[in-house]
Amino acid sequence: MIVIDGIHKHFSGFRAVDGAHMKIETGSITGLIGPNGAGKTTLFNVIAGVLKPTNGQVIMDGENITGLPPHKLFQKGLVRTFQIAHEFSSLTCRENLMMVPTQQLGETLWNTWFGRKRIANQERALAAKADKVLEFLTVEHLSNEKAGQISGGQKKLLELGRTMMVDAKIVFLDEVGAGVNRTLLNVIGDTILRLNQELEYTFVVIEHDMDFVSRICDPVICMAEGKVLAEGTLSEIKANEQVIEAYLGTGLKNKVGNGC
């Protein structure tokens, strides 16, 4: 689905991404790991149109999407989440989901004057879809809760729900487990697997929790210093001496197995 072809992103001489190459297969859950500063989030930002690359290109389903703005990529089904969840804190969880679809009838002045019935019908349909999404996420009890009042892990689930409101093709998750307790992280993992298996979502996941990566990701790609070092199963990545040295330093191989 996605081909990353020689992506560079430089900031005043600093090479945050330095010639990255990778392929994301349709229907996969690809894990992207590496030490802090490896260029993972910068690469996500380039793919998602937040940053324009210095060089290289991003291909999606055979189309060159390099440099397209995020809203255009959103319309093509490419969605990303952030390390810190972005919610409308004063709106309910249901209302947050209803906000997601673009080009809603109520966004035009003409329809607010002459299309009120159509707007009301559309809003009922969106509310019904939002309720189904919340039920899928097993958080229907939060439907009328203000999004700003729910836990960090529940906000991460809500972000997954947003992707379901637009039937995303590929979702880039940036540290979905950050600050989330183990119980809720398991729920998030279950949800990602269900979205992948039942709704055929493709995922790319930046994550430092190796237990979480081991559970849901195959393949796993390791980056360091802006480059891709290795790709394979997590077991193969753990056994790669180049990865071990770049990720943790020589002589710390046992820590990879312990989830560091």
Protein backbone atom coordinates (compact mmCIF):
# COMPACT_ATOMS: atom_id res chain seq x y z
CA MET A 1 0.00 0.00 0.00
CA ILE A 2 2.80 2.43 0.90
CA VAL A 3 6.29 2.66 -0.60
CA ILE A 4 8.83 4.96 1.05
CA ASP A 5 11.50 5.66 -1.54
CA GLY A 6 14.67 7.36 -0.35
CA ILE A 7 13.03 9.86 2.01
CA HIS A 8 15.29 12.56 3.46
CA LYS A 9 14.21 15.25 5.89
CA HIS A 10 16.86 17.75 6.97
CA PHE A 11 16.61 20.56 9.48
CA SER A 12 19.41 23.12 9.05
CA GLY A 13 21.89 20.39 8.25
CA PHE A 14 20.57 17.86 10.77
CA ARG A 15 19.40 14.73 8.96
CA ALA A 16 16.37 13.60 10.94
CA VAL A 17 15.50 11.12 8.18
CA ASP A 18 18.44 10.11 6.04
CA GLY A 19 17.44 8.07 3.00
CA ALA A 20 14.73 5.83 4.45
CA HIS A 21 13.36 3.02 2.28
CA MET A 22 10.50 0.71 3.26
CA LYS A 23 7.33 -0.94 2.02
CA ILE A 24 4.07 -1.27 3.97
CA GLU A 25 2.02 -4.21 2.75
CA THR A 26 -1.77 -3.96 2.50
CA GLY A 27 -3.43 -5.66 5.47
CA SER A 28 -0.32 -5.70 7.65
CA ILE A 29 0.33 -4.32 11.13
CA THR A 30 3.88 -3.05 10.79
CA GLY A 31 5.84 -2.13 13.89
CA LEU A 32 8.36 0.73 13.67
CA ILE A 33 10.89 0.68 16.47
CA GLY A 34 14.18 2.37 17.28
CA PRO A 35 15.83 4.58 19.88
CA ASN A 36 14.62 8.10 20.60
CA GLY A 37 15.83 10.40 17.84
CA ALA A 38 15.86 7.64 15.23
CA GLY A 39 13.58 9.65 12.93
CA LYS A 40 10.40 7.61 13.36
CA THR A 41 7.98 10.44 14.15
CA THR A 42 9.59 12.72 11.56
CA LEU A 43 9.06 10.00 8.96
CA PHE A 44 5.41 9.73 10.04
CA ASN A 45 5.04 13.49 9.66
CA VAL A 46 6.48 13.35 6.13
CA ILE A 47 4.19 10.48 5.11
CA ALA A 48 1.13 12.22 6.61
CA GLY A 49 1.86 15.53 4.88
CA VAL A 50 2.73 17.49 8.01
CA LEU A 51 6.28 17.96 6.72
CA LYS A 52 7.58 18.08 3.16
CA PRO A 53 10.60 15.86 2.52
CA THR A 54 13.94 17.30 1.50
CA ASN A 55 14.23 14.48 -1.05
CA GLY A 56 12.50 11.22 -1.91
CA GLN A 57 8.90 10.23 -2.47
CA VAL A 58 5.94 8.50 -0.86
CA ILE A 59 3.77 6.25 -3.03
CA MET A 60 0.29 5.07 -1.95
CA ASP A 61 -1.52 2.49 -4.06
CA GLY A 62 0.69 3.43 -7.01
CA GLU A 63 0.05 7.18 -6.67
CA ASN A 64 2.75 9.68 -5.77
CA ILE A 65 1.37 11.45 -2.68
CA THR A 66 4.59 13.22 -1.69
CA GLY A 67 3.90 16.58 -0.10
CA LEU A 68 0.11 16.40 -0.28
CA PRO A 69 -1.47 18.26 2.66
CA PRO A 70 -2.96 16.21 5.52
CA HIS A 71 -6.59 16.93 4.57
CA LYS A 72 -6.02 15.55 1.05
CA LEU A 73 -4.39 12.43 2.46
CA PHE A 74 -7.24 12.11 4.96
CA GLN A 75 -9.67 12.01 2.05
CA LYS A 76 -7.62 9.21 0.49
CA GLY A 77 -7.90 7.15 3.69
CA LEU A 78 -4.48 7.87 5.20
CA VAL A 79 -4.88 8.81 8.86
CA ARG A 80 -2.41 9.32 11.70
CA THR A 81 -2.67 9.69 15.46
CA PHE A 82 -0.28 11.43 17.83
CA GLN A 83 1.61 10.57 21.01
CA ILE A 84 -0.71 12.96 22.86
CA ALA A 85 -4.35 12.47 21.95
CA HIS A 86 -6.08 15.43 20.27
CA GLU A 87 -9.72 15.65 21.31
CA PHE A 88 -12.36 18.37 21.55
CA SER A 89 -12.37 18.34 25.32
CA SER A 90 -15.67 20.21 25.80
CA LEU A 91 -17.61 17.87 23.46
CA THR A 92 -18.88 14.42 24.36
CA CYS A 93 -17.21 11.31 23.01
CA ARG A 94 -20.11 10.81 20.59
CA GLU A 95 -19.85 14.41 19.39
CA ASN A 96 -16.09 14.02 18.89
CA LEU A 97 -16.75 11.13 16.52
CA MET A 98 -19.53 12.95 14.72
CA MET A 99 -17.13 15.82 13.96
CA VAL A 100 -14.80 13.63 11.90
CA PRO A 101 -16.46 13.16 8.48
CA THR A 102 -15.74 16.01 6.07
CA GLN A 103 -18.10 18.04 3.87
CA GLN A 104 -21.07 17.74 6.19
CA LEU A 105 -24.28 19.45 5.05
CA GLY A 106 -24.38 21.82 8.01
CA GLU A 107 -21.06 23.36 7.00
CA THR A 108 -22.63 25.50 4.28
CA LEU A 109 -24.74 28.60 4.90
CA TRP A 110 -27.22 27.64 2.18
CA ASN A 111 -28.06 24.33 3.83
CA THR A 112 -28.50 25.94 7.25
CA TRP A 113 -31.25 28.07 5.68
CA PHE A 114 -32.90 25.67 3.26
CA GLY A 115 -31.66 22.20 4.10
CA ARG A 116 -32.39 21.80 7.80
CA LYS A 117 -34.26 18.53 7.36
CA ARG A 118 -31.37 16.99 5.40
CA ILE A 119 -28.92 18.24 8.03
CA ALA A 120 -31.00 16.68 10.80
CA ASN A 121 -31.19 13.37 8.92
CA GLN A 122 -27.44 13.36 8.37
CA GLU A 123 -26.75 14.14 12.03
CA ARG A 124 -28.98 11.25 13.11
CA ALA A 125 -27.07 8.94 10.79
CA LEU A 126 -23.73 10.18 12.12
CA ALA A 127 -24.89 9.75 15.72
CA ALA A 128 -25.98 6.18 14.95
CA LYS A 129 -22.61 5.42 13.35
CA ALA A 130 -20.76 6.99 16.29
CA ASP A 131 -22.74 4.79 18.70
CA LYS A 132 -21.80 1.68 16.69
CA VAL A 133 -18.14 2.72 16.78
CA LEU A 134 -18.23 3.25 20.56
CA GLU A 135 -19.86 -0.15 20.95
CA PHE A 136 -17.13 -1.73 18.78
CA LEU A 137 -14.54 -0.08 21.04
CA THR A 138 -16.40 -1.39 24.14
CA VAL A 139 -16.67 2.16 25.52
CA GLU A 140 -20.33 2.88 24.75
CA HIS A 141 -20.72 3.84 28.42
CA LEU A 142 -18.58 6.91 27.66
CA SER A 143 -20.85 8.14 24.89
CA ASN A 144 -22.11 11.21 26.76
CA GLU A 145 -18.94 11.86 28.78
CA LYS A 146 -16.92 14.96 27.97
CA ALA A 147 -13.84 13.83 26.05
CA GLY A 148 -11.64 16.01 28.22
CA GLN A 149 -12.69 14.05 31.31
CA ILE A 150 -11.83 10.51 30.18
CA SER A 151 -8.48 8.79 30.81
CA GLY A 152 -5.48 8.97 28.51
CA GLY A 153 -5.97 5.37 27.37
CA GLN A 154 -9.64 5.98 26.64
CA LYS A 155 -8.63 9.01 24.56
CA LYS A 156 -6.37 6.71 22.52
CA LEU A 157 -9.36 4.44 21.93
CA LEU A 158 -11.39 7.47 20.90
CA GLU A 159 -8.73 8.32 18.33
CA LEU A 160 -9.05 4.82 16.90
CA GLY A 161 -12.79 5.47 16.77
CA ARG A 162 -12.20 8.57 14.66
CA THR A 163 -10.50 6.44 12.02
CA MET A 164 -13.62 4.25 11.90
CA MET A 165 -15.86 7.25 11.17
CA VAL A 166 -14.13 7.69 7.79
CA ASP A 167 -13.33 4.05 6.96
CA ALA A 168 -9.56 4.66 6.85
CA LYS A 169 -7.35 2.50 4.64
CA ILE A 170 -4.12 2.92 6.58
CA VAL A 171 -3.57 4.30 10.08
CA PHE A 172 -0.25 5.52 11.48
CA LEU A 173 -0.22 5.18 15.28
CA ASP A 174 2.48 7.14 17.11
CA GLU A 175 3.20 5.55 20.51
CA VAL A 176 -0.35 4.43 21.15
CA GLY A 177 0.81 2.83 24.42
CA ALA A 178 2.47 5.91 25.90
CA GLY A 179 1.08 6.63 29.36
CA VAL A 180 -1.53 3.86 29.12
CA ASN A 181 -1.91 1.24 31.85
CA ARG A 182 -1.39 -2.40 30.95
CA THR A 183 -5.07 -3.39 31.16
CA LEU A 184 -6.22 -0.65 28.81
CA LEU A 185 -3.22 -1.24 26.54
CA ASN A 186 -4.45 -4.80 26.10
CA VAL A 187 -7.86 -3.44 25.11
CA ILE A 188 -6.21 -1.12 22.58
CA GLY A 189 -4.23 -4.05 21.20
CA ASP A 190 -7.42 -6.13 20.88
CA THR A 191 -9.09 -3.24 19.06
CA ILE A 192 -6.23 -2.84 16.58
CA LEU A 193 -6.29 -6.57 15.84
CA ARG A 194 -10.06 -6.53 15.33
CA LEU A 195 -9.85 -3.52 13.01
CA ASN A 196 -7.14 -5.31 11.05
CA GLN A 197 -8.85 -8.70 10.89
CA GLU A 198 -12.52 -7.71 10.64
CA LEU A 199 -12.37 -4.39 8.78
CA GLU A 200 -9.05 -4.94 6.91
CA TYR A 201 -7.31 -1.84 8.23
CA THR A 202 -3.58 -1.54 7.57
CA PHE A 203 -1.55 -0.16 10.49
CA VAL A 204 1.94 1.22 11.07
CA VAL A 205 2.75 1.46 14.77
CA ILE A 206 5.58 3.37 16.47
CA GLU A 207 6.00 1.76 19.86
CA HIS A 208 8.66 1.20 22.53
CA ASP A 209 6.80 -1.51 24.42
CA MET A 210 8.24 -4.71 22.94
CA ASP A 211 5.58 -6.92 24.52
CA PHE A 212 2.92 -4.89 22.71
CA VAL A 213 4.91 -4.97 19.45
CA SER A 214 5.42 -8.72 19.77
CA ARG A 215 1.71 -9.28 20.28
CA ILE A 216 0.32 -7.34 17.30
CA CYS A 217 3.09 -6.46 14.81
CA ASP A 218 4.49 -8.41 11.88
CA PRO A 219 6.74 -7.32 10.29
CA VAL A 220 8.88 -5.07 12.49
CA ILE A 221 11.15 -2.36 11.05
CA CYS A 222 13.99 -0.85 13.08
CA MET A 223 15.30 2.66 12.42
CA ALA A 224 18.36 4.42 13.80
CA GLU A 225 19.93 7.75 12.86
CA GLY A 226 17.30 8.35 10.20
CA LYS A 227 17.92 5.09 8.36
CA VAL A 228 16.24 1.69 8.22
CA LEU A 229 18.58 -0.86 9.79
CA ALA A 230 16.58 -4.07 9.55
CA GLU A 231 13.18 -5.59 8.84
CA GLY A 232 11.70 -8.94 9.83
CA THR A 233 9.93 -10.63 12.68
CA LEU A 234 10.61 -9.29 16.15
CA SER A 235 12.70 -12.39 16.90
CA GLU A 236 14.87 -11.66 13.87
CA ILE A 237 15.19 -8.01 14.88
CA LYS A 238 16.22 -9.00 18.42
CA ALA A 239 18.95 -11.24 17.01
CA ASN A 240 20.37 -8.60 14.66
CA GLU A 241 23.69 -7.42 16.10
CA GLN A 242 23.61 -4.16 14.12
CA VAL A 243 20.21 -3.34 15.60
CA ILE A 244 21.32 -4.26 19.11
CA GLU A 245 24.37 -2.02 18.91
CA ALA A 246 22.45 0.94 17.46
CA TYR A 247 19.43 0.54 19.74
CA LEU A 248 21.07 -0.28 23.05
CA GLY A 249 24.83 -0.40 22.77
CA THR A 250 27.20 -3.33 22.62
CA GLY A 251 26.76 -5.94 25.33
CA LEU A 252 23.12 -5.12 26.14
CA LYS A 253 21.49 -7.76 23.94
CA ASN A 254 19.54 -9.27 26.85
CA LYS A 255 17.66 -5.99 27.34
CA VAL A 256 16.00 -6.27 23.92
CA GLY A 257 14.40 -9.50 25.07
CA ASN A 258 13.15 -7.76 28.20
CA GLY A 259 11.27 -5.11 26.25
CA CYS A 260 13.61 -2.13 26.58
